[in-house]
C-alpha cells in the first residue's frame, strides 16, 4: 500500500524462469518496481529467441528493470519532483 511518508526511492526486483521447458529454452522475465511501499511498475515478458543458459533470461530481466528505474528517475527529475530516500 502506498504511504507518502515512506521511502520514495525506487526499489526493484527481477527474476526469470525457464517455464519447465529446457528443451525449447522458453523463459519468462518478470520485474517489479516499488516506491513508497506501493507498486509502480510490474512487467512480465517472454524474450524472443532461444536462451542458451539459465543466466541469459536473468540478464534480460535485470536489463528491463534498469530501463524502468532509469525512466522513473528521469521522469521525476523532468517534472521537478525530488525522489526522497
Protein backbone atom coordinates (compact mmCIF):
# COMPACT_ATOMS: atom_id res chain seq x y z
CA UNK A 1 0.00 0.00 0.00
CA UNK A 2 1.27 3.46 -0.90
CA UNK A 3 2.47 5.55 2.04
CA UNK A 4 3.76 9.04 1.21
CA UNK A 5 5.85 9.09 4.39
CA UNK A 6 7.86 6.03 3.33
CA UNK A 7 10.99 5.91 1.17
CA UNK A 8 10.31 7.33 -2.32
CA UNK A 9 13.50 5.79 -3.75
CA UNK A 10 12.60 3.21 -6.43
CA UNK A 11 13.21 -0.37 -5.26
CA UNK A 12 13.22 -3.01 -7.98
CA UNK A 13 13.14 -6.79 -8.19
CA UNK A 14 13.71 -9.03 -11.20
CA UNK A 15 13.59 -12.76 -11.80
CA UNK A 16 13.24 -15.24 -14.63
CA UNK A 17 12.03 -18.78 -15.08
CA UNK A 18 12.59 -21.44 -17.71
CA UNK A 19 8.90 -22.43 -17.51
CA UNK A 20 9.95 -26.04 -17.09
CA UNK A 21 10.86 -26.29 -20.79
CA UNK A 22 14.66 -26.60 -21.04
CA UNK A 23 14.43 -28.29 -24.47
CA UNK A 24 12.87 -25.26 -26.22
CA UNK A 25 14.58 -22.83 -23.83
CA UNK A 26 11.38 -20.83 -23.29
CA UNK A 27 11.70 -18.42 -20.41
CA UNK A 28 9.69 -15.70 -18.69
CA UNK A 29 11.21 -12.49 -17.32
CA UNK A 30 9.45 -10.64 -14.51
CA UNK A 31 10.18 -7.25 -12.94
CA UNK A 32 8.55 -5.17 -10.20
CA UNK A 33 9.35 -1.64 -9.02
CA UNK A 34 8.05 -0.20 -5.75
CA UNK A 35 8.07 3.36 -4.42
CA UNK A 36 6.77 4.45 -1.01
CA UNK A 37 5.54 0.94 -0.27
CA UNK A 38 3.41 0.58 -3.41
CA UNK A 39 3.98 -0.97 -6.82
CA UNK A 40 4.51 1.50 -9.67
CA UNK A 41 5.50 -0.96 -12.42
CA UNK A 42 5.08 -4.72 -12.79
CA UNK A 43 6.02 -6.45 -16.05
CA UNK A 44 6.17 -10.00 -17.37
CA UNK A 45 7.75 -10.67 -20.75
CA UNK A 46 8.77 -13.63 -22.87
CA UNK A 47 12.04 -12.77 -24.64
CA UNK A 48 12.25 -13.51 -28.36
CA UNK A 49 14.62 -16.23 -29.48
CA UNK A 50 16.21 -19.09 -27.61
CA UNK A 51 18.15 -18.65 -24.42
CA UNK A 52 21.35 -20.70 -24.24
CA UNK A 53 21.81 -20.68 -20.46
CA UNK A 54 19.86 -20.04 -17.28
CA UNK A 55 21.75 -16.76 -16.78
CA UNK A 56 20.66 -15.20 -20.07
CA UNK A 57 17.00 -14.59 -19.08
CA UNK A 58 18.17 -13.26 -15.71
CA UNK A 59 20.23 -10.62 -17.55
CA UNK A 60 17.28 -9.77 -19.81
CA UNK A 61 15.04 -9.29 -16.76
CA UNK A 62 17.66 -7.17 -15.00
CA UNK A 63 18.20 -5.04 -18.11
CA UNK A 64 14.45 -4.40 -18.32
CA UNK A 65 14.42 -3.43 -14.64
CA UNK A 66 17.28 -0.94 -15.12
CA UNK A 67 15.43 0.69 -18.03
CA UNK A 68 12.27 1.09 -15.93
CA UNK A 69 14.11 2.54 -12.91
CA UNK A 70 16.02 4.99 -15.12
CA UNK A 71 12.78 6.09 -16.75
CA UNK A 72 11.16 6.70 -13.34
CA UNK A 73 14.20 8.64 -12.11
CA UNK A 74 14.31 10.78 -15.27
CA UNK A 75 10.55 11.37 -15.18
CA UNK A 76 10.71 12.66 -11.62
CA UNK A 77 13.67 14.88 -12.50
CA UNK A 78 11.84 16.28 -15.55
CA UNK A 79 8.70 17.25 -13.64
CA UNK A 80 10.77 18.69 -10.78
CA UNK A 81 9.75 16.25 -8.05
CA UNK A 82 12.67 15.10 -5.92
CA UNK A 83 12.98 11.43 -5.06
CA UNK A 84 13.22 11.27 -1.28
CA UNK A 85 15.26 8.46 0.29
